[in-house]
Amino acid sequence: MALCCPEAAWRELQVPALGGDWELFLEISGGIRIYRRCCQESSLYEYKIYGTFPDCDPELFVDVYMDLEYRKQWDSYVKELCEQEYNGQKVIYWEVKYPFLLSNRDVSFQVSCLFF
């Protein structure tokens, strides 16, 4: 679901919209929860990730996570990572390295950041 306004994003963070086919995929210590659902037309998964980093300033988190050159240094799963523009939107392309016997994965995602 594309969120079109800050209020909708805020509501989604406060009360996750997980109706329908969303399933809890992974829960990480510290309260990070990853949900996924399968798109029937393509058999690909869509993901939602919720969590907080209470002792990390939001601007610092964004700076570290979105600094692609720095990310290539600390993220061992990066094979290729670059920013592109598609239809006027900032898009990240990431080739994820997988171990032997598994194929690498291509991930593309649109980037947006809202501060409240």
PDB file of N, CA and C in Angstrom:
ATOM      1  N   MET A   1       0.843  -1.173   0.000  1.00  0.00           N
ATOM      2  CA  MET A   1       0.000   0.000   0.000  1.00  0.00           C
ATOM      3  C   MET A   1       0.885   1.231   0.000  1.00  0.00           C
ATOM      4  N   ALA A   2       0.727   2.085  -0.998  1.00  0.00           N
ATOM      5  CA  ALA A   2       1.488   3.319  -1.066  1.00  0.00           C
ATOM      6  C   ALA A   2       0.865   4.347  -0.141  1.00  0.00           C
ATOM      7  N   LEU A   3       1.701   4.948   0.667  1.00  0.00           N
ATOM      8  CA  LEU A   3       1.217   5.979   1.587  1.00  0.00           C
ATOM      9  C   LEU A   3       1.441   7.337   0.935  1.00  0.00           C
ATOM     10  N   CYS A   4       0.405   8.156   0.922  1.00  0.00           N
ATOM     11  CA  CYS A   4       0.486   9.403   0.168  1.00  0.00           C
ATOM     12  C   CYS A   4       0.662  10.626   1.054  1.00  0.00           C
ATOM     13  N   CYS A   5       0.544  10.493   2.350  1.00  0.00           N
ATOM     14  CA  CYS A   5       0.667  11.671   3.203  1.00  0.00           C
ATOM     15  C   CYS A   5       1.286  11.286   4.540  1.00  0.00           C
ATOM     16  N   PRO A   6       1.921  12.262   5.213  1.00  0.00           N
ATOM     17  CA  PRO A   6       2.558  11.959   6.504  1.00  0.00           C
ATOM     18  C   PRO A   6       1.596  11.392   7.537  1.00  0.00           C
ATOM     19  N   GLU A   7       0.354  11.865   7.546  1.00  0.00           N
ATOM     20  CA  GLU A   7      -0.615  11.372   8.524  1.00  0.00           C
ATOM     21  C   GLU A   7      -0.880   9.881   8.329  1.00  0.00           C
ATOM     22  N   ALA A   8      -0.998   9.446   7.089  1.00  0.00           N
ATOM     23  CA  ALA A   8      -1.224   8.021   6.808  1.00  0.00           C
ATOM     24  C   ALA A   8      -0.016   7.196   7.246  1.00  0.00           C
ATOM     25  N   ALA A   9       1.187   7.715   7.004  1.00  0.00           N
ATOM     26  CA  ALA A   9       2.401   7.003   7.425  1.00  0.00           C
ATOM     27  C   ALA A   9       2.451   6.905   8.944  1.00  0.00           C
ATOM     28  N   TRP A  10       2.111   7.978   9.626  1.00  0.00           N
ATOM     29  CA  TRP A  10       2.112   7.971  11.092  1.00  0.00           C
ATOM     30  C   TRP A  10       1.121   6.949  11.622  1.00  0.00           C
ATOM     31  N   ARG A  11      -0.097   6.926  11.057  1.00  0.00           N
ATOM     32  CA  ARG A  11      -1.106   5.948  11.490  1.00  0.00           C
ATOM     33  C   ARG A  11      -0.600   4.524  11.254  1.00  0.00           C
ATOM     34  N   GLU A  12       0.051   4.300  10.130  1.00  0.00           N
ATOM     35  CA  GLU A  12       0.576   2.972   9.805  1.00  0.00           C
ATOM     36  C   GLU A  12       1.635   2.549  10.822  1.00  0.00           C
ATOM     37  N   LEU A  13       2.437   3.483  11.299  1.00  0.00           N
ATOM     38  CA  LEU A  13       3.443   3.152  12.311  1.00  0.00           C
ATOM     39  C   LEU A  13       2.812   2.868  13.665  1.00  0.00           C
ATOM     40  N   GLN A  14       1.763   3.594  14.006  1.00  0.00           N
ATOM     41  CA  GLN A  14       1.110   3.411  15.293  1.00  0.00           C
ATOM     42  C   GLN A  14       0.267   2.135  15.330  1.00  0.00           C
ATOM     43  N   VAL A  15      -0.455   1.871  14.252  1.00  0.00           N
ATOM     44  CA  VAL A  15      -1.313   0.687  14.157  1.00  0.00           C
ATOM     45  C   VAL A  15      -1.041   0.047  12.795  1.00  0.00           C
ATOM     46  N   PRO A  16      -0.134  -0.916  12.737  1.00  0.00           N
ATOM     47  CA  PRO A  16       0.210  -1.530  11.455  1.00  0.00           C
ATOM     48  C   PRO A  16      -1.017  -2.095  10.729  1.00  0.00           C
ATOM     49  N   ALA A  17      -1.098  -1.800   9.440  1.00  0.00           N
ATOM     50  CA  ALA A  17      -2.183  -2.314   8.600  1.00  0.00           C
ATOM     51  C   ALA A  17      -1.766  -3.693   8.088  1.00  0.00           C
ATOM     52  N   LEU A  18      -2.119  -4.714   8.836  1.00  0.00           N
ATOM     53  CA  LEU A  18      -1.656  -6.071   8.532  1.00  0.00           C
ATOM     54  C   LEU A  18      -2.811  -7.021   8.237  1.00  0.00           C
ATOM     55  N   GLY A  19      -3.930  -6.471   7.786  1.00  0.00           N
ATOM     56  CA  GLY A  19      -5.054  -7.327   7.429  1.00  0.00           C
ATOM     57  C   GLY A  19      -4.745  -8.120   6.167  1.00  0.00           C
ATOM     58  N   GLY A  20      -5.640  -9.001   5.828  1.00  0.00           N
ATOM     59  CA  GLY A  20      -5.442  -9.796   4.617  1.00  0.00           C
ATOM     60  C   GLY A  20      -4.418 -10.893   4.809  1.00  0.00           C
ATOM     61  N   ASP A  21      -3.477 -10.979   3.879  1.00  0.00           N
ATOM     62  CA  ASP A  21      -2.541 -12.102   3.845  1.00  0.00           C
ATOM     63  C   ASP A  21      -1.198 -11.832   4.514  1.00  0.00           C
ATOM     64  N   TRP A  22      -1.047 -10.737   5.260  1.00  0.00           N
ATOM     65  CA  TRP A  22       0.227 -10.443   5.899  1.00  0.00           C
ATOM     66  C   TRP A  22       0.523 -11.489   6.973  1.00  0.00           C
ATOM     67  N   GLU A  23       1.763 -11.997   6.982  1.00  0.00           N
ATOM     68  CA  GLU A  23       2.187 -12.963   7.990  1.00  0.00           C
ATOM     69  C   GLU A  23       3.478 -12.484   8.634  1.00  0.00           C
ATOM     70  N   LEU A  24       3.636 -12.764   9.932  1.00  0.00           N
ATOM     71  CA  LEU A  24       4.882 -12.443  10.605  1.00  0.00           C
ATOM     72  C   LEU A  24       5.957 -13.359  10.044  1.00  0.00           C
ATOM     73  N   PHE A  25       6.973 -12.767   9.446  1.00  0.00           N
ATOM     74  CA  PHE A  25       8.044 -13.528   8.807  1.00  0.00           C
ATOM     75  C   PHE A  25       9.236 -13.705   9.734  1.00  0.00           C
ATOM     76  N   LEU A  26       9.583 -12.635  10.484  1.00  0.00           N
ATOM     77  CA  LEU A  26      10.763 -12.684  11.332  1.00  0.00           C
ATOM     78  C   LEU A  26      10.627 -11.636  12.430  1.00  0.00           C
ATOM     79  N   GLU A  27      10.988 -12.014  13.638  1.00  0.00           N
ATOM     80  CA  GLU A  27      11.035 -11.060  14.746  1.00  0.00           C
ATOM     81  C   GLU A  27      12.444 -11.077  15.304  1.00  0.00           C
ATOM     82  N   ILE A  28      13.040  -9.901  15.395  1.00  0.00           N
ATOM     83  CA  ILE A  28      14.422  -9.761  15.836  1.00  0.00           C
ATOM     84  C   ILE A  28      14.416  -9.125  17.221  1.00  0.00           C
ATOM     85  N   SER A  29      15.345  -9.546  18.062  1.00  0.00           N
ATOM     86  CA  SER A  29      15.401  -8.972  19.407  1.00  0.00           C
ATOM     87  C   SER A  29      15.485  -7.455  19.317  1.00  0.00           C
ATOM     88  N   GLY A  30      14.848  -6.798  20.249  1.00  0.00           N
ATOM     89  CA  GLY A  30      14.795  -5.347  20.227  1.00  0.00           C
ATOM     90  C   GLY A  30      13.494  -4.834  19.629  1.00  0.00           C
ATOM     91  N   GLY A  31      12.622  -5.749  19.218  1.00  0.00           N
ATOM     92  CA  GLY A  31      11.307  -5.341  18.759  1.00  0.00           C
ATOM     93  C   GLY A  31      11.147  -5.120  17.265  1.00  0.00           C
ATOM     94  N   ILE A  32      12.112  -5.504  16.455  1.00  0.00           N
ATOM     95  CA  ILE A  32      11.982  -5.370  15.006  1.00  0.00           C
ATOM     96  C   ILE A  32      11.135  -6.537  14.496  1.00  0.00           C
ATOM     97  N   ARG A  33      10.066  -6.215  13.761  1.00  0.00           N
ATOM     98  CA  ARG A  33       9.176  -7.239  13.210  1.00  0.00           C
ATOM     99  C   ARG A  33       9.080  -7.072  11.703  1.00  0.00           C
ATOM    100  N   ILE A  34       9.239  -8.182  10.989  1.00  0.00           N
ATOM    101  CA  ILE A  34       9.160  -8.171   9.531  1.00  0.00           C
ATOM    102  C   ILE A  34       7.966  -9.024   9.121  1.00  0.00           C
ATOM    103  N   TYR A  35       7.084  -8.418   8.338  1.00  0.00           N
ATOM    104  CA  TYR A  35       5.897  -9.107   7.829  1.00  0.00           C
ATOM    105  C   TYR A  35       6.031  -9.241   6.320  1.00  0.00           C
ATOM    106  N   ARG A  36       5.380 -10.258   5.764  1.00  0.00           N
ATOM    107  CA  ARG A  36       5.396 -10.411   4.314  1.00  0.00           C
ATOM    108  C   ARG A  36       4.057 -10.967   3.844  1.00  0.00           C
ATOM    109  N   ARG A  37       3.796 -10.751   2.567  1.00  0.00           N
ATOM    110  CA  ARG A  37       2.650 -11.383   1.917  1.00  0.00           C
ATOM    111  C   ARG A  37       3.030 -11.655   0.475  1.00  0.00           C
ATOM    112  N   CYS A  38       2.457 -12.703  -0.057  1.00  0.00           N
ATOM    113  CA  CYS A  38       2.759 -13.133  -1.417  1.00  0.00           C
ATOM    114  C   CYS A  38       1.789 -12.458  -2.385  1.00  0.00           C
ATOM    115  N   CYS A  39       2.324 -11.891  -3.431  1.00  0.00           N
ATOM    116  CA  CYS A  39       1.511 -11.308  -4.491  1.00  0.00           C
ATOM    117  C   CYS A  39       1.078 -12.448  -5.423  1.00  0.00           C
ATOM    118  N   GLN A  40      -0.217 -12.659  -5.517  1.00  0.00           N
ATOM    119  CA  GLN A  40      -0.754 -13.796  -6.282  1.00  0.00           C
ATOM    120  C   GLN A  40      -0.371 -13.742  -7.758  1.00  0.00           C
ATOM    121  N   GLU A  41      -0.312 -12.539  -8.339  1.00  0.00           N
ATOM    122  CA  GLU A  41      -0.020 -12.417  -9.774  1.00  0.00           C
ATOM    123  C   GLU A  41       1.415 -12.804 -10.121  1.00  0.00           C
ATOM    124  N   SER A  42       2.367 -12.492  -9.236  1.00  0.00           N
ATOM    125  CA  SER A  42       3.776 -12.710  -9.561  1.00  0.00           C
ATOM    126  C   SER A  42       4.454 -13.758  -8.696  1.00  0.00           C
ATOM    127  N   SER A  43       3.836 -14.155  -7.598  1.00  0.00           N
ATOM    128  CA  SER A  43       4.438 -15.059  -6.609  1.00  0.00           C
ATOM    129  C   SER A  43       5.640 -14.441  -5.898  1.00  0.00           C
ATOM    130  N   LEU A  44       5.830 -13.132  -6.025  1.00  0.00           N
ATOM    131  CA  LEU A  44       6.883 -12.432  -5.307  1.00  0.00           C
ATOM    132  C   LEU A  44       6.322 -11.926  -3.986  1.00  0.00           C
ATOM    133  N   TYR A  45       7.210 -11.667  -3.022  1.00  0.00           N
ATOM    134  CA  TYR A  45       6.783 -11.202  -1.713  1.00  0.00           C
ATOM    135  C   TYR A  45       6.914  -9.689  -1.583  1.00  0.00           C
ATOM    136  N   GLU A  46       5.984  -9.113  -0.847  1.00  0.00           N
ATOM    137  CA  GLU A  46       6.013  -7.725  -0.437  1.00  0.00           C
ATOM    138  C   GLU A  46       6.290  -7.745   1.064  1.00  0.00           C
ATOM    139  N   TYR A  47       7.121  -6.807   1.540  1.00  0.00           N
ATOM    140  CA  TYR A  47       7.517  -6.805   2.941  1.00  0.00           C
ATOM    141  C   TYR A  47       7.153  -5.496   3.623  1.00  0.00           C
ATOM    142  N   LYS A  48       6.875  -5.564   4.918  1.00  0.00           N
ATOM    143  CA  LYS A  48       6.737  -4.410   5.793  1.00  0.00           C
ATOM    144  C   LYS A  48       7.609  -4.681   7.009  1.00  0.00           C
ATOM    145  N   ILE A  49       8.352  -3.669   7.417  1.00  0.00           N
ATOM    146  CA  ILE A  49       9.241  -3.805   8.563  1.00  0.00           C
ATOM    147  C   ILE A  49       8.882  -2.722   9.575  1.00  0.00           C
ATOM    148  N   TYR A  50       8.690  -3.130  10.830  1.00  0.00           N
ATOM    149  CA  TYR A  50       8.355  -2.205  11.913  1.00  0.00           C
ATOM    150  C   TYR A  50       9.347  -2.377  13.046  1.00  0.00           C
ATOM    151  N   GLY A  51       9.723  -1.271  13.648  1.00  0.00           N
ATOM    152  CA  GLY A  51      10.594  -1.342  14.812  1.00  0.00           C
ATOM    153  C   GLY A  51      11.107   0.039  15.169  1.00  0.00           C
ATOM    154  N   THR A  52      11.810   0.106  16.254  1.00  0.00           N
ATOM    155  CA  THR A  52      12.395   1.369  16.693  1.00  0.00           C
ATOM    156  C   THR A  52      13.838   1.139  17.124  1.00  0.00           C
ATOM    157  N   PHE A  53      14.593   2.197  17.066  1.00  0.00           N
ATOM    158  CA  PHE A  53      15.959   2.230  17.567  1.00  0.00           C
ATOM    159  C   PHE A  53      16.004   3.382  18.563  1.00  0.00           C
ATOM    160  N   PRO A  54      15.583   3.129  19.809  1.00  0.00           N
ATOM    161  CA  PRO A  54      15.384   4.220  20.771  1.00  0.00           C
ATOM    162  C   PRO A  54      16.646   5.002  21.118  1.00  0.00           C
ATOM    163  N   ASP A  55      17.815   4.396  20.986  1.00  0.00           N
ATOM    164  CA  ASP A  55      19.026   5.124  21.346  1.00  0.00           C
ATOM    165  C   ASP A  55      19.809   5.587  20.118  1.00  0.00           C
ATOM    166  N   CYS A  56      19.112   5.744  18.984  1.00  0.00           N
ATOM    167  CA  CYS A  56      19.748   6.231  17.758  1.00  0.00           C
ATOM    168  C   CYS A  56      18.934   7.407  17.230  1.00  0.00           C
ATOM    169  N   ASP A  57      19.600   8.510  17.005  1.00  0.00           N
ATOM    170  CA  ASP A  57      18.960   9.693  16.441  1.00  0.00           C
ATOM    171  C   ASP A  57      18.434   9.367  15.032  1.00  0.00           C
ATOM    172  N   PRO A  58      17.191   9.727  14.693  1.00  0.00           N
ATOM    173  CA  PRO A  58      16.630   9.381  13.385  1.00  0.00           C
ATOM    174  C   PRO A  58      17.460   9.882  12.201  1.00  0.00           C
ATOM    175  N   GLU A  59      17.992  11.096  12.308  1.00  0.00           N
ATOM    176  CA  GLU A  59      18.795  11.631  11.209  1.00  0.00           C
ATOM    177  C   GLU A  59      20.078  10.813  11.012  1.00  0.00           C
ATOM    178  N   LEU A  60      20.692  10.373  12.110  1.00  0.00           N
ATOM    179  CA  LEU A  60      21.892   9.545  12.019  1.00  0.00           C
ATOM    180  C   LEU A  60      21.565   8.196  11.384  1.00  0.00           C
ATOM    181  N   PHE A  61      20.449   7.605  11.795  1.00  0.00           N
ATOM    182  CA  PHE A  61      20.028   6.325  11.224  1.00  0.00           C
ATOM    183  C   PHE A  61      19.873   6.441   9.706  1.00  0.00           C
ATOM    184  N   VAL A  62      19.185   7.477   9.261  1.00  0.00           N
ATOM    185  CA  VAL A  62      18.979   7.680   7.817  1.00  0.00           C
ATOM    186  C   VAL A  62      20.309   7.919   7.120  1.00  0.00           C
ATOM    187  N   ASP A  63      21.164   8.740   7.714  1.00  0.00           N
ATOM    188  CA  ASP A  63      22.465   9.021   7.102  1.00  0.00           C
ATOM    189  C   ASP A  63      23.279   7.747   6.914  1.00  0.00           C
ATOM    190  N   VAL A  64      23.337   6.902   7.928  1.00  0.00           N
ATOM    191  CA  VAL A  64      24.127   5.668   7.847  1.00  0.00           C
ATOM    192  C   VAL A  64      23.496   4.687   6.860  1.00  0.00           C
ATOM    193  N   TYR A  65      22.196   4.508   6.955  1.00  0.00           N
ATOM    194  CA  TYR A  65      21.510   3.519   6.119  1.00  0.00           C
ATOM    195  C   TYR A  65      21.501   3.917   4.647  1.00  0.00           C
ATOM    196  N   MET A  66      21.371   5.212   4.367  1.00  0.00           N
ATOM    197  CA  MET A  66      21.222   5.651   2.986  1.00  0.00           C
ATOM    198  C   MET A  66      22.521   6.152   2.347  1.00  0.00           C
ATOM    199  N   ASP A  67      23.622   6.142   3.088  1.00  0.00           N
ATOM    200  CA  ASP A  67      24.917   6.466   2.499  1.00  0.00           C
ATOM    201  C   ASP A  67      25.413   5.201   1.807  1.00  0.00           C
ATOM    202  N   LEU A  68      25.149   5.113   0.508  1.00  0.00           N
ATOM    203  CA  LEU A  68      25.406   3.861  -0.210  1.00  0.00           C
ATOM    204  C   LEU A  68      26.879   3.488  -0.248  1.00  0.00           C
ATOM    205  N   GLU A  69      27.769   4.471  -0.357  1.00  0.00           N
ATOM    206  CA  GLU A  69      29.197   4.152  -0.371  1.00  0.00           C
ATOM    207  C   GLU A  69      29.633   3.578   0.977  1.00  0.00           C
ATOM    208  N   TYR A  70      29.154   4.171   2.066  1.00  0.00           N
ATOM    209  CA  TYR A  70      29.479   3.648   3.392  1.00  0.00           C
ATOM    210  C   TYR A  70      28.838   2.285   3.609  1.00  0.00           C
ATOM    211  N   ARG A  71      27.624   2.122   3.108  1.00  0.00           N
ATOM    212  CA  ARG A  71      26.939   0.837   3.276  1.00  0.00           C
ATOM    213  C   ARG A  71      27.729  -0.305   2.628  1.00  0.00           C
ATOM    214  N   LYS A  72      28.373  -0.038   1.520  1.00  0.00           N
ATOM    215  CA  LYS A  72      29.185  -1.063   0.852  1.00  0.00           C
ATOM    216  C   LYS A  72      30.317  -1.549   1.754  1.00  0.00           C
ATOM    217  N   GLN A  73      30.726  -0.718   2.726  1.00  0.00           N
ATOM    218  CA  GLN A  73      31.796  -1.097   3.649  1.00  0.00           C
ATOM    219  C   GLN A  73      31.286  -1.978   4.785  1.00  0.00           C
ATOM    220  N   TRP A  74      30.085  -1.698   5.313  1.00  0.00           N
ATOM    221  CA  TRP A  74      29.619  -2.418   6.493  1.00  0.00           C
ATOM    222  C   TRP A  74      28.630  -3.528   6.205  1.00  0.00           C
ATOM    223  N   ASP A  75      28.026  -3.549   5.031  1.00  0.00           N
ATOM    224  CA  ASP A  75      27.023  -4.560   4.713  1.00  0.00           C
ATOM    225  C   ASP A  75      27.652  -5.641   3.835  1.00  0.00           C
ATOM    226  N   SER A  76      27.935  -6.778   4.420  1.00  0.00           N
ATOM    227  CA  SER A  76      28.628  -7.854   3.694  1.00  0.00           C
ATOM    228  C   SER A  76      27.756  -8.523   2.628  1.00  0.00           C
ATOM    229  N   TYR A  77      26.472  -8.197   2.593  1.00  0.00           N
ATOM    230  CA  TYR A  77      25.576  -8.779   1.589  1.00  0.00           C
ATOM    231  C   TYR A  77      25.519  -7.967   0.299  1.00  0.00           C
ATOM    232  N   VAL A  78      26.201  -6.844   0.237  1.00  0.00           N
ATOM    233  CA  VAL A  78      26.172  -5.998  -0.955  1.00  0.00           C
ATOM    234  C   VAL A  78      27.145  -6.531  -2.000  1.00  0.00           C
ATOM    235  N   LYS A  79      26.608  -6.847  -3.170  1.00  0.00           N
ATOM    236  CA  LYS A  79      27.471  -7.124  -4.311  1.00  0.00           C
ATOM    237  C   LYS A  79      27.491  -5.893  -5.209  1.00  0.00           C
ATOM    238  N   GLU A  80      26.309  -5.320  -5.455  1.00  0.00           N
ATOM    239  CA  GLU A  80      26.187  -4.078  -6.205  1.00  0.00           C
ATOM    240  C   GLU A  80      25.113  -3.229  -5.532  1.00  0.00           C
ATOM    241  N   LEU A  81      25.346  -1.940  -5.477  1.00  0.00           N
ATOM    242  CA  LEU A  81      24.398  -1.038  -4.829  1.00  0.00           C
ATOM    243  C   LEU A  81      24.532   0.326  -5.483  1.00  0.00           C
ATOM    244  N   CYS A  82      23.416   0.838  -6.014  1.00  0.00           N
ATOM    245  CA  CYS A  82      23.476   2.148  -6.659  1.00  0.00           C
ATOM    246  C   CYS A  82      22.111   2.821  -6.614  1.00  0.00           C
ATOM    247  N   GLU A  83      22.149   4.131  -6.747  1.00  0.00           N
ATOM    248  CA  GLU A  83      20.926   4.930  -6.776  1.00  0.00           C
ATOM    249  C   GLU A  83      20.629   5.305  -8.218  1.00  0.00           C
ATOM    250  N   GLN A  84      19.366   5.207  -8.600  1.00  0.00           N
ATOM    251  CA  GLN A  84      18.939   5.579  -9.943  1.00  0.00           C
ATOM    252  C   GLN A  84      17.668   6.394  -9.832  1.00  0.00           C
ATOM    253  N   GLU A  85      17.281   7.022 -10.922  1.00  0.00           N
ATOM    254  CA  GLU A  85      16.018   7.739 -10.948  1.00  0.00           C
ATOM    255  C   GLU A  85      15.094   7.021 -11.922  1.00  0.00           C
ATOM    256  N   TYR A  86      13.858   6.810 -11.488  1.00  0.00           N
ATOM    257  CA  TYR A  86      12.859   6.133 -12.308  1.00  0.00           C
ATOM    258  C   TYR A  86      11.541   6.899 -12.176  1.00  0.00           C
ATOM    259  N   ASN A  87      11.020   7.389 -13.285  1.00  0.00           N
ATOM    260  CA  ASN A  87       9.783   8.179 -13.281  1.00  0.00           C
ATOM    261  C   ASN A  87       9.843   9.325 -12.271  1.00  0.00           C
ATOM    262  N   GLY A  88      10.997   9.962 -12.174  1.00  0.00           N
ATOM    263  CA  GLY A  88      11.144  11.096 -11.268  1.00  0.00           C
ATOM    264  C   GLY A  88      11.299  10.735  -9.805  1.00  0.00           C
ATOM    265  N   GLN A  89      11.408   9.447  -9.486  1.00  0.00           N
ATOM    266  CA  GLN A  89      11.539   8.987  -8.101  1.00  0.00           C
ATOM    267  C   GLN A  89      12.933   8.406  -7.868  1.00  0.00           C
ATOM    268  N   LYS A  90      13.452   8.603  -6.661  1.00  0.00           N
ATOM    269  CA  LYS A  90      14.734   8.023  -6.263  1.00  0.00           C
ATOM    270  C   LYS A  90      14.524   6.534  -5.997  1.00  0.00           C
ATOM    271  N   VAL A  91      15.304   5.696  -6.671  1.00  0.00           N
ATOM    272  CA  VAL A  91      15.179   4.245  -6.547  1.00  0.00           C
ATOM    273  C   VAL A  91      16.567   3.667  -6.260  1.00  0.00           C
ATOM    274  N   ILE A  92      16.619   2.704  -5.367  1.00  0.00           N
ATOM    275  CA  ILE A  92      17.876   2.021  -5.039  1.00  0.00           C
ATOM    276  C   ILE A  92      17.846   0.634  -5.674  1.00  0.00           C
ATOM    277  N   TYR A  93      18.937   0.280  -6.358  1.00  0.00           N
ATOM    278  CA  TYR A  93      19.117  -1.082  -6.861  1.00  0.00           C
ATOM    279  C   TYR A  93      20.191  -1.742  -6.008  1.00  0.00           C
ATOM    280  N   TRP A  94      19.913  -2.970  -5.556  1.00  0.00           N
ATOM    281  CA  TRP A  94      20.828  -3.683  -4.669  1.00  0.00           C
ATOM    282  C   TRP A  94      20.892  -5.136  -5.114  1.00  0.00           C
ATOM    283  N   GLU A  95      22.062  -5.591  -5.506  1.00  0.00           N
ATOM    284  CA  GLU A  95      22.260  -7.020  -5.753  1.00  0.00           C
ATOM    285  C   GLU A  95      22.762  -7.617  -4.450  1.00  0.00           C
ATOM    286  N   VAL A  96      21.970  -8.506  -3.887  1.00  0.00           N
ATOM    287  CA  VAL A  96      22.258  -9.112  -2.592  1.00  0.00           C
ATOM    288  C   VAL A  96      23.049 -10.392  -2.807  1.00  0.00           C
ATOM    289  N   LYS A  97      24.221 -10.473  -2.153  1.00  0.00           N
ATOM    290  CA  LYS A  97      25.057 -11.676  -2.222  1.00  0.00           C
ATOM    291  C   LYS A  97      24.474 -12.767  -1.347  1.00  0.00           C
ATOM    292  N   TYR A  98      24.351 -13.941  -1.912  1.00  0.00           N
ATOM    293  CA  TYR A  98      23.923 -15.104  -1.147  1.00  0.00           C
ATOM    294  C   TYR A  98      25.050 -16.127  -1.141  1.00  0.00           C
ATOM    295  N   PRO A  99      25.091 -16.993  -0.138  1.00  0.00           N
ATOM    296  CA  PRO A  99      26.173 -17.984  -0.074  1.00  0.00           C
ATOM    297  C   PRO A  99      26.093 -19.011  -1.198  1.00  0.00           C
ATOM    298  N   PHE A 100      27.167 -19.767  -1.321  1.00  0.00           N
ATOM    299  CA  PHE A 100      27.285 -20.828  -2.323  1.00  0.00           C
ATOM    300  C   PHE A 100      26.029 -21.705  -2.340  1.00  0.00           C
ATOM    301  N   LEU A 101      25.616 -22.094  -3.486  1.00  0.00           N
ATOM    302  CA  LEU A 101      24.437 -22.909  -3.792  1.00  0.00           C
ATOM    303  C   LEU A 101      23.148 -22.092  -3.872  1.00  0.00           C
ATOM    304  N   LEU A 102      23.168 -20.848  -3.454  1.00  0.00           N
ATOM    305  CA  LEU A 102      21.999 -19.991  -3.593  1.00  0.00           C
ATOM    306  C   LEU A 102      22.303 -18.889  -4.601  1.00  0.00           C
ATOM    307  N   SER A 103      21.308 -18.483  -5.350  1.00  0.00           N
ATOM    308  CA  SER A 103      21.482 -17.407  -6.331  1.00  0.00           C
ATOM    309  C   SER A 103      21.388 -16.054  -5.652  1.00  0.00           C
ATOM    310  N   ASN A 104      22.172 -15.108  -6.154  1.00  0.00           N
ATOM    311  CA  ASN A 104      22.051 -13.741  -5.666  1.00  0.00           C
ATOM    312  C   ASN A 104      20.649 -13.229  -5.979  1.00  0.00           C
ATOM    313  N   ARG A 105      20.221 -12.209  -5.284  1.00  0.00           N
ATOM    314  CA  ARG A 105      18.892 -11.624  -5.476  1.00  0.00           C
ATOM    315  C   ARG A 105      19.029 -10.165  -5.891  1.00  0.00           C
ATOM    316  N   ASP A 106      18.150  -9.738  -6.771  1.00  0.00           N
ATOM    317  CA  ASP A 106      18.054  -8.339  -7.165  1.00  0.00           C
ATOM    318  C   ASP A 106      16.929  -7.695  -6.381  1.00  0.00           C
ATOM    319  N   VAL A 107      17.224  -6.574  -5.746  1.00  0.00           N
ATOM    320  CA  VAL A 107      16.222  -5.848  -4.966  1.00  0.00           C
ATOM    321  C   VAL A 107      16.208  -4.406  -5.451  1.00  0.00           C
ATOM    322  N   SER A 108      15.027  -3.904  -5.724  1.00  0.00           N
ATOM    323  CA  SER A 108      14.852  -2.490  -6.061  1.00  0.00           C
ATOM    324  C   SER A 108      13.795  -1.931  -5.135  1.00  0.00           C
ATOM    325  N   PHE A 109      14.036  -0.726  -4.631  1.00  0.00           N
ATOM    326  CA  PHE A 109      13.025  -0.114  -3.787  1.00  0.00           C
ATOM    327  C   PHE A 109      13.058   1.396  -3.927  1.00  0.00           C
ATOM    328  N   GLN A 110      11.882   1.982  -3.780  1.00  0.00           N
ATOM    329  CA  GLN A 110      11.734   3.423  -3.824  1.00  0.00           C
ATOM    330  C   GLN A 110      12.042   3.969  -2.443  1.00  0.00           C
ATOM    331  N   VAL A 111      12.728   5.070  -2.405  1.00  0.00           N
ATOM    332  CA  VAL A 111      13.169   5.645  -1.142  1.00  0.00           C
ATOM    333  C   VAL A 111      12.330   6.854  -0.778  1.00  0.00           C
ATOM    334  N   SER A 112      11.849   6.852   0.450  1.00  0.00           N
ATOM    335  CA  SER A 112      11.210   8.045   1.000  1.00  0.00           C
ATOM    336  C   SER A 112      11.480   8.063   2.493  1.00  0.00           C
ATOM    337  N   CYS A 113      11.518   9.232   3.049  1.00  0.00           N
ATOM    338  CA  CYS A 113      11.793   9.368   4.466  1.00  0.00           C
ATOM    339  C   CYS A 113      10.914  10.472   5.027  1.00  0.00           C
ATOM    340  N   LEU A 114      10.199  10.152   6.086  1.00  0.00           N
ATOM    341  CA  LEU A 114       9.342  11.132   6.742  1.00  0.00           C
ATOM    342  C   LEU A 114       9.796  11.292   8.184  1.00  0.00           C
ATOM    343  N   PHE A 115       9.988  12.527   8.621  1.00  0.00           N
ATOM    344  CA  PHE A 115      10.319  12.803  10.006  1.00  0.00           C
ATOM    345  C   PHE A 115       9.118  13.470  10.666  1.00  0.00           C
ATOM    346  N   PHE A 116       8.792  13.049  11.862  1.00  0.00           N
ATOM    347  CA  PHE A 116       7.660  13.618  12.592  1.00  0.00           C
ATOM    348  C   PHE A 116       8.162  14.319  13.843  1.00  0.00           C
TER     349      PHE A 116
END
